[in-house]
């Protein structure tokens, strides 16, 4: 499982850079300012949570636990729901997608909390 989270984290970091560059170079002049700001918000949150997945994988190499695995899955769900909904909302302007975003934020919070508890329990 640690290799999976490291790989998913690296892939998400790659996607964060690629989507951020795409937004900066291709979308800034094409999107309305409010939609571009939403797209940028997705990019802002994508990278640190990709790095969080790598951290989860590295910690999993040291000690595997249910909390560490839960943290990884929750961070991944957060990326998909939070960042994914904001990228899509920014590109399409479909405002109803915003209803999904808070669930991704809650997944982020739960993922970091699981990681905090798992780290505290390490011996």
C-alpha atoms as a PDB file:
ATOM      1  CA  UNK A   1       0.000   0.000   0.000  1.00  0.00           C
ATOM      2  CA  UNK A   2       2.794   2.542   0.678  1.00  0.00           C
ATOM      3  CA  UNK A   3       4.038   2.307  -2.916  1.00  0.00           C
ATOM      4  CA  UNK A   4       0.501   2.963  -4.152  1.00  0.00           C
ATOM      5  CA  UNK A   5       0.177   6.166  -2.122  1.00  0.00           C
ATOM      6  CA  UNK A   6       3.644   7.376  -3.146  1.00  0.00           C
ATOM      7  CA  UNK A   7       2.791   6.713  -6.793  1.00  0.00           C
ATOM      8  CA  UNK A   8      -0.634   8.367  -6.526  1.00  0.00           C
ATOM      9  CA  UNK A   9       0.955  11.323  -4.761  1.00  0.00           C
ATOM     10  CA  UNK A  10       3.614  11.739  -7.443  1.00  0.00           C
ATOM     11  CA  UNK A  11       0.963  11.448 -10.163  1.00  0.00           C
ATOM     12  CA  UNK A  12      -1.181  14.089  -8.459  1.00  0.00           C
ATOM     13  CA  UNK A  13       1.810  16.414  -8.102  1.00  0.00           C
ATOM     14  CA  UNK A  14       2.492  15.968 -11.821  1.00  0.00           C
ATOM     15  CA  UNK A  15      -1.164  16.703 -12.608  1.00  0.00           C
ATOM     16  CA  UNK A  16      -1.100  19.733 -10.328  1.00  0.00           C
ATOM     17  CA  UNK A  17       1.833  21.246 -12.194  1.00  0.00           C
ATOM     18  CA  UNK A  18       0.389  20.362 -15.611  1.00  0.00           C
ATOM     19  CA  UNK A  19      -3.103  21.685 -14.825  1.00  0.00           C
ATOM     20  CA  UNK A  20      -1.682  24.780 -13.146  1.00  0.00           C
ATOM     21  CA  UNK A  21       0.494  25.554 -16.166  1.00  0.00           C
ATOM     22  CA  UNK A  22      -2.413  24.887 -18.513  1.00  0.00           C
ATOM     23  CA  UNK A  23      -4.539  27.304 -16.532  1.00  0.00           C
ATOM     24  CA  UNK A  24      -1.867  29.995 -16.386  1.00  0.00           C
ATOM     25  CA  UNK A  25      -0.967  29.810 -20.064  1.00  0.00           C
ATOM     26  CA  UNK A  26      -4.219  28.856 -21.769  1.00  0.00           C
ATOM     27  CA  UNK A  27      -7.166  29.770 -19.579  1.00  0.00           C
ATOM     28  CA  UNK A  28      -6.416  33.125 -17.985  1.00  0.00           C
ATOM     29  CA  UNK A  29      -7.480  35.020 -21.098  1.00  0.00           C
ATOM     30  CA  UNK A  30     -10.311  32.616 -21.985  1.00  0.00           C
ATOM     31  CA  UNK A  31     -12.189  32.295 -18.697  1.00  0.00           C
ATOM     32  CA  UNK A  32     -14.172  34.891 -16.823  1.00  0.00           C
ATOM     33  CA  UNK A  33     -12.118  36.173 -13.859  1.00  0.00           C
ATOM     34  CA  UNK A  34     -14.364  34.468 -11.282  1.00  0.00           C
ATOM     35  CA  UNK A  35     -14.119  31.092 -13.052  1.00  0.00           C
ATOM     36  CA  UNK A  36     -10.358  31.467 -13.440  1.00  0.00           C
ATOM     37  CA  UNK A  37     -10.066  32.170  -9.696  1.00  0.00           C
ATOM     38  CA  UNK A  38     -12.011  28.970  -8.985  1.00  0.00           C
ATOM     39  CA  UNK A  39      -9.703  27.003 -11.291  1.00  0.00           C
ATOM     40  CA  UNK A  40      -6.670  28.503  -9.531  1.00  0.00           C
ATOM     41  CA  UNK A  41      -8.102  27.495  -6.140  1.00  0.00           C
ATOM     42  CA  UNK A  42      -8.186  23.870  -7.321  1.00  0.00           C
ATOM     43  CA  UNK A  43      -4.552  24.132  -8.383  1.00  0.00           C
ATOM     44  CA  UNK A  44      -3.607  25.731  -5.054  1.00  0.00           C
ATOM     45  CA  UNK A  45      -5.022  22.804  -3.053  1.00  0.00           C
ATOM     46  CA  UNK A  46      -3.946  20.051  -5.432  1.00  0.00           C
ATOM     47  CA  UNK A  47      -0.167  20.163  -4.889  1.00  0.00           C
ATOM     48  CA  UNK A  48       0.023  20.055  -1.073  1.00  0.00           C
ATOM     49  CA  UNK A  49      -2.436  17.180  -0.950  1.00  0.00           C
ATOM     50  CA  UNK A  50      -0.449  15.293  -3.575  1.00  0.00           C
ATOM     51  CA  UNK A  51       2.584  15.789  -1.337  1.00  0.00           C
ATOM     52  CA  UNK A  52       0.443  14.588   1.568  1.00  0.00           C
ATOM     53  CA  UNK A  53      -0.167  11.330  -0.293  1.00  0.00           C
ATOM     54  CA  UNK A  54       3.592  10.907  -0.710  1.00  0.00           C
ATOM     55  CA  UNK A  55       4.023  11.563   3.024  1.00  0.00           C
ATOM     56  CA  UNK A  56       1.384   8.945   3.815  1.00  0.00           C
ATOM     57  CA  UNK A  57       3.214   6.436   1.627  1.00  0.00           C
ATOM     58  CA  UNK A  58       6.558   7.213   3.242  1.00  0.00           C
ATOM     59  CA  UNK A  59       5.065   6.853   6.711  1.00  0.00           C
ATOM     60  CA  UNK A  60       3.451   3.592   5.594  1.00  0.00           C
ATOM     61  CA  UNK A  61       6.911   2.264   4.700  1.00  0.00           C
ATOM     62  CA  UNK A  62       7.907   2.842   8.316  1.00  0.00           C
ATOM     63  CA  UNK A  63       4.736   1.517   9.945  1.00  0.00           C
ATOM     64  CA  UNK A  64       1.544   0.387   8.295  1.00  0.00           C
ATOM     65  CA  UNK A  65      -1.741   1.015  10.075  1.00  0.00           C
ATOM     66  CA  UNK A  66      -5.424   1.401   9.337  1.00  0.00           C
ATOM     67  CA  UNK A  67      -5.244   5.109  10.186  1.00  0.00           C
ATOM     68  CA  UNK A  68      -2.386   5.712   7.772  1.00  0.00           C
ATOM     69  CA  UNK A  69      -4.242   3.916   4.980  1.00  0.00           C
ATOM     70  CA  UNK A  70      -7.448   5.795   5.827  1.00  0.00           C
ATOM     71  CA  UNK A  71      -5.515   9.053   5.660  1.00  0.00           C
ATOM     72  CA  UNK A  72      -4.262   8.237   2.169  1.00  0.00           C
ATOM     73  CA  UNK A  73      -7.682   7.271   0.852  1.00  0.00           C
ATOM     74  CA  UNK A  74      -9.297  10.356   2.399  1.00  0.00           C
ATOM     75  CA  UNK A  75      -6.686  12.670   0.870  1.00  0.00           C
ATOM     76  CA  UNK A  76      -7.234  11.032  -2.513  1.00  0.00           C
ATOM     77  CA  UNK A  77     -11.023  11.393  -2.207  1.00  0.00           C
ATOM     78  CA  UNK A  78     -10.472  15.014  -1.200  1.00  0.00           C
ATOM     79  CA  UNK A  79      -8.392  15.662  -4.300  1.00  0.00           C
ATOM     80  CA  UNK A  80     -11.015  14.066  -6.517  1.00  0.00           C
ATOM     81  CA  UNK A  81     -13.998  15.822  -4.940  1.00  0.00           C
ATOM     82  CA  UNK A  82     -12.534  19.190  -3.936  1.00  0.00           C
ATOM     83  CA  UNK A  83     -10.007  19.842  -6.681  1.00  0.00           C
ATOM     84  CA  UNK A  84     -11.916  17.888  -9.305  1.00  0.00           C
ATOM     85  CA  UNK A  85     -15.140  19.796  -8.734  1.00  0.00           C
ATOM     86  CA  UNK A  86     -13.331  23.150  -8.753  1.00  0.00           C
ATOM     87  CA  UNK A  87     -11.366  22.366 -11.932  1.00  0.00           C
ATOM     88  CA  UNK A  88     -14.584  21.270 -13.616  1.00  0.00           C
ATOM     89  CA  UNK A  89     -16.574  24.234 -12.294  1.00  0.00           C
ATOM     90  CA  UNK A  90     -13.874  26.642 -13.482  1.00  0.00           C
ATOM     91  CA  UNK A  91     -13.830  25.092 -16.954  1.00  0.00           C
ATOM     92  CA  UNK A  92     -17.560  24.646 -17.442  1.00  0.00           C
ATOM     93  CA  UNK A  93     -19.191  27.297 -15.263  1.00  0.00           C
ATOM     94  CA  UNK A  94     -21.701  24.720 -13.984  1.00  0.00           C
ATOM     95  CA  UNK A  95     -22.319  26.185 -10.528  1.00  0.00           C
ATOM     96  CA  UNK A  96     -24.161  23.152  -9.158  1.00  0.00           C
ATOM     97  CA  UNK A  97     -20.799  21.338  -9.050  1.00  0.00           C
ATOM     98  CA  UNK A  98     -19.986  23.559  -6.088  1.00  0.00           C
ATOM     99  CA  UNK A  99     -22.209  21.356  -3.941  1.00  0.00           C
ATOM    100  CA  UNK A 100     -19.570  18.582  -4.164  1.00  0.00           C
ATOM    101  CA  UNK A 101     -16.641  20.751  -3.104  1.00  0.00           C
ATOM    102  CA  UNK A 102     -17.323  20.823   0.673  1.00  0.00           C
ATOM    103  CA  UNK A 103     -17.353  17.006   0.788  1.00  0.00           C
ATOM    104  CA  UNK A 104     -13.837  17.082  -0.617  1.00  0.00           C
ATOM    105  CA  UNK A 105     -12.847  19.631   2.018  1.00  0.00           C
ATOM    106  CA  UNK A 106     -14.226  17.399   4.751  1.00  0.00           C
ATOM    107  CA  UNK A 107     -12.269  14.462   3.294  1.00  0.00           C
ATOM    108  CA  UNK A 108      -9.102  16.596   3.403  1.00  0.00           C
ATOM    109  CA  UNK A 109      -9.706  17.479   7.049  1.00  0.00           C
ATOM    110  CA  UNK A 110     -10.445  13.877   7.995  1.00  0.00           C
ATOM    111  CA  UNK A 111      -7.373  12.661   6.115  1.00  0.00           C
ATOM    112  CA  UNK A 112      -5.053  15.064   7.920  1.00  0.00           C
ATOM    113  CA  UNK A 113      -6.673  14.218  11.258  1.00  0.00           C
ATOM    114  CA  UNK A 114      -6.137  10.487  10.651  1.00  0.00           C
ATOM    115  CA  UNK A 115      -2.513  11.178   9.786  1.00  0.00           C
ATOM    116  CA  UNK A 116      -2.089  13.255  12.938  1.00  0.00           C
ATOM    117  CA  UNK A 117      -3.510  10.508  15.145  1.00  0.00           C
ATOM    118  CA  UNK A 118      -1.459   7.829  13.359  1.00  0.00           C
ATOM    119  CA  UNK A 119       1.740   9.837  13.837  1.00  0.00           C
ATOM    120  CA  UNK A 120       0.940  10.427  17.516  1.00  0.00           C
ATOM    121  CA  UNK A 121       0.530   6.667  18.023  1.00  0.00           C
ATOM    122  CA  UNK A 122       3.909   5.814  16.472  1.00  0.00           C
ATOM    123  CA  UNK A 123       6.432   4.303  18.816  1.00  0.00           C
END
